[in-house]
Protein backbone atom coordinates (compact mmCIF):
# COMPACT_ATOMS: atom_id res chain seq x y z
CA MET A 1 38.81 -0.60 -33.58
CA PHE A 2 38.17 -0.80 -29.80
CA ARG A 3 35.46 1.55 -29.39
CA HIS A 4 33.22 -0.33 -32.42
CA PHE A 5 34.12 -3.72 -30.71
CA PHE A 6 32.70 -2.18 -26.97
CA LYS A 7 29.54 -0.68 -28.84
CA LEU A 8 29.26 -3.94 -30.26
CA ALA A 9 29.30 -5.96 -26.96
CA LEU A 10 26.87 -3.37 -25.07
CA LEU A 11 24.81 -4.05 -28.22
CA LEU A 12 24.74 -7.56 -27.66
CA PHE A 13 24.37 -7.45 -23.78
CA VAL A 14 21.45 -5.44 -24.12
CA VAL A 15 19.98 -8.15 -26.81
CA PHE A 16 20.28 -11.13 -24.69
CA SER A 17 19.62 -9.25 -21.45
CA GLY A 18 16.10 -8.70 -22.89
CA ARG A 19 15.77 -11.68 -24.04
CA ALA A 20 16.68 -13.41 -20.74
CA GLN A 21 13.54 -11.41 -19.14
CA THR A 22 11.03 -12.93 -21.71
CA ALA A 23 8.25 -16.40 -21.22
CA ASP A 24 10.49 -18.25 -22.82
CA ASN A 25 13.41 -18.58 -19.82
CA LEU A 26 13.52 -17.55 -15.87
CA PRO A 27 10.81 -16.13 -13.50
CA LEU A 28 11.32 -12.54 -13.07
CA LYS A 29 11.45 -10.99 -9.45
CA LEU A 30 10.81 -7.90 -8.57
CA ARG A 31 10.58 -5.82 -5.08
CA VAL A 32 7.52 -3.69 -5.24
CA GLY A 33 5.28 -1.78 -2.58
CA THR A 34 2.61 0.72 -1.91
CA TYR A 35 2.21 3.37 0.32
CA ASN A 36 -0.37 5.97 1.46
CA VAL A 37 1.57 8.76 2.39
CA GLY A 38 -1.00 11.26 3.77
CA HIS A 39 0.12 14.08 1.99
CA PHE A 40 3.07 13.75 4.19
CA ASN A 41 0.98 15.09 7.00
CA GLN A 42 -0.50 11.97 8.69
CA GLY A 43 -3.41 11.92 6.49
CA ARG A 44 -4.51 15.48 6.66
CA LEU A 45 -4.03 17.99 3.78
CA GLY A 46 -1.19 20.77 3.25
CA GLY A 47 1.61 18.80 3.38
CA PHE A 48 4.19 18.72 6.13
CA GLN A 49 3.18 21.45 8.72
CA GLY A 50 6.82 21.78 10.24
CA THR A 51 8.89 25.28 9.37
CA GLY A 52 12.67 25.71 9.14
CA LYS A 53 15.14 23.30 9.83
CA MET A 54 12.18 20.83 10.49
CA VAL A 55 10.99 20.81 6.94
CA GLN A 56 14.72 20.03 5.59
CA ALA A 57 14.89 17.47 8.31
CA GLU A 58 12.07 15.74 7.44
CA LEU A 59 12.59 15.66 3.66
CA ASN A 60 15.73 14.16 4.16
CA ASN A 61 14.23 11.42 6.69
CA TRP A 62 11.44 10.71 3.68
CA LYS A 63 14.20 10.92 0.71
CA SER A 64 16.40 8.33 2.80
CA TRP A 65 13.69 5.65 3.80
CA ILE A 66 12.55 5.83 0.05
CA GLY A 67 16.19 4.97 -0.93
CA GLN A 68 16.68 2.37 1.37
CA GLN A 69 13.72 0.44 0.35
CA SER A 70 15.45 -0.05 -2.94
CA LEU A 71 11.81 -0.93 -4.77
CA ASP A 72 11.74 -1.71 -8.15
CA ILE A 73 8.07 -0.53 -8.19
CA LEU A 74 6.64 2.22 -5.51
CA VAL A 75 2.91 2.66 -5.49
CA LEU A 76 1.89 6.03 -4.01
CA ASN A 77 -1.46 7.13 -2.51
CA GLU A 78 -2.56 10.39 -1.04
CA TRP A 79 0.45 12.58 -2.77
CA ASN A 80 1.16 15.92 -2.52
CA HIS A 81 2.55 17.98 -5.22
CA PHE A 82 4.55 20.22 -2.56
CA PHE A 83 5.91 18.19 0.00
CA ASP A 84 5.75 21.50 2.80
CA LYS A 85 2.83 23.89 3.78
CA ASP A 86 4.92 26.83 2.45
CA SER A 87 5.03 25.30 -1.42
CA ILE A 88 8.57 25.41 -1.27
CA TYR A 89 9.86 22.07 -2.06
CA ARG A 90 8.04 19.82 -4.99
CA ALA A 91 7.76 16.06 -3.64
CA LYS A 92 8.54 14.35 -6.95
CA GLU A 93 12.17 16.34 -7.46
CA GLU A 94 12.99 16.10 -3.89
CA LEU A 95 11.87 12.46 -3.15
CA LEU A 96 11.34 10.55 -6.14
CA ASP A 97 14.01 11.88 -9.24
CA PRO A 98 16.60 10.70 -7.12
CA TYR A 99 16.15 7.33 -7.68
CA TYR A 100 13.47 6.87 -10.42
CA THR A 101 13.54 7.47 -13.78
CA HIS A 102 9.70 7.10 -14.82
CA VAL A 103 6.94 8.84 -12.24
CA TYR A 104 3.60 8.80 -13.59
CA PHE A 105 0.81 10.69 -11.88
CA GLY A 106 -3.12 10.66 -12.27
CA ASP A 107 -5.51 13.48 -11.51
CA ALA A 108 -4.64 15.24 -8.33
CA HIS A 109 -7.61 15.65 -6.60
CA ARG A 110 -8.12 17.40 -3.37
CA TRP A 111 -7.46 14.06 -0.95
CA ILE A 112 -7.02 11.39 -3.87
CA TYR A 113 -3.77 11.27 -5.87
CA ASN A 114 -1.82 8.48 -6.99
CA GLY A 115 1.42 7.61 -8.48
CA ILE A 116 3.84 4.95 -9.99
CA ALA A 117 7.71 5.19 -9.45
CA ALA A 118 9.84 2.62 -11.49
CA ASN A 119 12.86 2.61 -13.69
CA PHE A 120 11.63 1.15 -16.58
CA PRO A 121 8.94 2.71 -18.86
CA LEU A 122 5.20 1.81 -18.62
CA GLN A 123 3.18 2.29 -21.84
CA ASN A 124 -0.32 2.90 -22.31
CA VAL A 125 -0.62 4.83 -18.97
CA ARG A 126 -4.15 5.49 -18.44
CA GLN A 127 -6.69 6.22 -15.70
CA LYS A 128 -9.69 3.94 -14.37
CA ASN A 129 -12.25 6.44 -12.41
CA TRP A 130 -14.22 4.70 -9.42
CA ASP A 131 -17.03 6.42 -7.55
CA GLY A 132 -16.23 10.04 -6.08
CA ASP A 133 -12.74 11.35 -6.57
CA TYR A 134 -11.39 8.08 -6.40
CA TYR A 135 -9.29 6.11 -9.18
CA ALA A 136 -6.68 3.83 -10.33
CA LEU A 137 -3.55 4.40 -12.62
CA LEU A 138 -2.48 1.94 -14.96
CA GLY A 139 0.30 1.41 -17.02
CA ASP A 140 1.61 -1.50 -18.96
CA LEU A 141 5.49 -3.00 -18.47
CA VAL A 142 6.11 -4.78 -21.97
CA ILE A 143 8.73 -7.61 -21.81
CA GLY A 144 9.13 -9.35 -24.84
CA ASP A 145 5.59 -10.86 -25.77
CA LYS A 146 4.05 -10.72 -22.46
CA THR A 147 2.52 -7.75 -20.75
CA ILE A 148 2.08 -6.81 -16.91
CA THR A 149 -0.04 -4.18 -15.95
CA VAL A 150 1.05 -2.18 -13.19
CA ILE A 151 -1.73 -0.28 -11.04
CA SER A 152 -1.85 2.03 -8.36
CA THR A 153 -5.23 2.43 -6.94
CA HIS A 154 -7.43 3.76 -4.06
CA ILE A 155 -10.81 2.39 -3.13
CA PRO A 156 -13.44 4.70 -1.40
CA TRP A 157 -14.11 3.95 2.19
CA GLN A 158 -17.86 5.74 2.15
CA LYS A 159 -20.00 2.75 2.74
CA GLU A 160 -22.09 4.07 -0.29
CA TRP A 161 -19.17 3.88 -2.72
CA HIS A 162 -16.98 0.96 -1.36
CA GLN A 163 -18.68 -2.11 -2.59
CA ARG A 164 -19.46 -0.73 -6.12
CA SER A 165 -15.72 0.41 -6.64
CA GLN A 166 -14.10 -2.43 -5.39
CA GLU A 167 -16.30 -4.88 -7.46
CA ALA A 168 -15.24 -2.45 -10.82
CA LEU A 169 -11.95 -2.71 -9.49
CA ILE A 170 -12.01 -6.98 -9.72
CA LYS A 171 -13.67 -6.62 -13.17
CA GLU A 172 -10.80 -4.55 -14.56
CA LEU A 173 -8.40 -6.94 -12.83
CA GLU A 174 -10.08 -10.00 -14.61
CA GLN A 175 -9.15 -8.76 -17.98
CA TYR A 176 -5.48 -9.16 -17.50
CA GLU A 177 -3.26 -12.04 -17.65
CA TYR A 178 -0.28 -10.61 -15.73
CA PHE A 179 -1.07 -7.69 -13.18
CA ILE A 180 0.49 -5.96 -10.14
CA CYS A 181 -2.29 -4.03 -8.13
CA MET A 182 -1.33 -1.97 -5.06
CA GLY A 183 -2.58 0.74 -3.04
CA ASP A 184 -5.25 1.55 -0.42
CA MET A 185 -7.95 -0.74 -0.57
CA ASN A 186 -10.23 0.54 2.25
CA ALA A 187 -11.30 -2.96 2.69
CA PHE A 188 -12.21 -5.02 6.16
CA ASP A 189 -10.50 -8.64 6.40
CA ASP A 190 -13.74 -10.11 4.65
CA GLY A 191 -13.84 -7.40 1.86
CA GLN A 192 -9.86 -8.02 0.96
CA GLN A 193 -10.98 -11.92 0.71
CA LYS A 194 -12.76 -11.25 -2.39
CA PHE A 195 -9.58 -10.38 -4.03
CA VAL A 196 -9.00 -14.55 -3.13
CA LYS A 197 -12.14 -15.46 -4.18
CA ALA A 198 -11.78 -14.20 -7.77
CA GLY A 199 -8.45 -16.17 -8.01
CA PHE A 200 -5.68 -13.66 -7.21
CA ASN A 201 -3.08 -13.44 -4.66
CA MET A 202 -2.90 -10.70 -2.13
CA ALA A 203 -0.16 -10.00 0.32
CA ASN A 204 -1.82 -8.44 3.01
CA GLY A 205 -3.76 -11.68 4.25
CA GLY A 206 -2.30 -13.77 2.22
CA ALA A 207 0.18 -16.97 2.91
CA MET A 208 1.96 -14.55 5.23
CA GLY A 209 -1.36 -13.72 7.02
CA TRP A 210 -2.68 -10.41 8.07
CA PHE A 211 -0.81 -7.11 8.28
CA GLY A 212 -2.40 -3.89 9.97
CA THR A 213 -1.70 -0.82 7.97
CA ALA A 214 -4.31 1.51 9.45
CA ALA A 215 -1.67 2.77 12.05
CA ALA A 216 -3.94 5.39 13.85
CA THR A 217 -6.70 2.67 14.46
CA ASN A 218 -3.94 0.21 16.48
CA SER A 219 -2.30 3.10 17.93
CA ALA A 220 -5.57 4.53 19.68
CA ALA A 221 -6.34 1.11 20.91
CA GLY A 222 -3.06 0.82 22.43
CA ARG A 223 -1.76 -1.89 20.39
CA LYS A 224 1.00 -2.66 18.49
CA GLY A 225 0.01 -5.98 16.78
CA ASP A 226 -2.41 -5.70 14.37
CA LEU A 227 -6.50 -5.33 15.12
CA PRO A 228 -8.81 -7.05 12.73
CA ASN A 229 -10.21 -5.02 9.82
CA THR A 230 -6.83 -2.56 9.88
CA SER A 231 -5.36 -4.21 6.81
CA ILE A 232 -6.38 -2.04 4.38
CA ASP A 233 -3.74 -1.33 2.11
CA ASN A 234 -2.75 -4.52 -0.13
CA ILE A 235 -0.80 -5.67 -3.09
CA VAL A 236 -2.82 -8.06 -5.01
CA THR A 237 -1.57 -10.15 -8.53
CA SER A 238 -2.85 -12.22 -10.86
CA ASP A 239 -2.24 -15.74 -9.77
CA ASN A 240 0.83 -16.44 -12.07
CA ILE A 241 2.79 -14.10 -9.82
CA LYS A 242 3.79 -15.14 -6.56
CA ILE A 243 3.97 -13.07 -3.24
CA MET A 244 6.83 -13.09 -0.75
CA ARG A 245 8.90 -11.57 2.10
CA VAL A 246 5.96 -9.41 2.81
CA SER A 247 6.36 -6.69 5.61
CA ALA A 248 4.80 -3.58 6.89
CA PRO A 249 7.03 -1.82 8.68
CA LEU A 250 6.84 1.17 10.93
CA THR A 251 8.90 4.15 9.03
CA GLY A 252 8.95 7.21 11.27
CA LEU A 253 7.13 9.09 8.44
CA ASN A 254 3.48 8.79 8.56
CA ASP A 255 2.91 6.16 11.07
CA LEU A 256 -0.04 7.67 12.65
CA ASP A 257 -2.06 7.28 9.56
CA HIS A 258 -0.93 4.49 7.06
CA LEU A 259 2.18 1.90 6.83
CA PRO A 260 3.55 0.80 3.94
CA VAL A 261 2.95 -2.98 2.55
CA LEU A 262 6.33 -4.23 0.86
CA ALA A 263 6.85 -7.65 -0.71
CA ASP A 264 9.07 -9.64 -3.13
CA ILE A 265 7.24 -10.86 -6.49
CA VAL A 266 8.05 -13.51 -8.81
CA VAL A 267 6.30 -13.55 -12.13
CA THR A 268 6.22 -17.15 -13.66
CA TRP A 269 5.65 -17.05 -17.26
């Protein structure tokens, strides 16, 4: 008898919890982040280059950092299938599987490799290609009768490709009522402003100002603060999703290449 009562109570909890996150109720708040992990090798190919105990120590550092952030959605650029140069440790199994039940990756090109990690399933996972090997990975988070499209993108830095690919991304975003687009935009400050002009919200260069994420450029200039045109990683949302508590923290992991962008977002139905 008690067992049947418990199952009924659990079912009702699930049903009403699902309803509580539909468009008829309160806003939905998520903690999200994007990180160009630079192949775990400061932006160079081949995975982490250390050997012996250094590999396990650095693997633990990455795993600890990911766990500490407690992100609902983590978007990744420049992923590497193996964490280390000797191809011993599979990065997804070591770094993401302990924290996320749903992990999606796009095509593993030589330099470009995008992913999305979350603890809820995404539907209709697909890939939209830009110029060269660059692309966006998209998946739909369905909540009640609404769909939030989650996007991991990497835009080319090459001059002959950059503007065309960014314009294609903006055109793609205009199709969605709700979206969260994160990744390496490779755009100067005025290029990032194109997202605002299109009517979107953005974390980097938005209401909280600029956060330099091209860490190598800042370090080479002897600067700890931001330099113009170094805020190349971003979180962009539809105008019905608010962005707060933005940061681009030092991690001790890939700080000579990229810094992550982290933010709270609130979906206003």
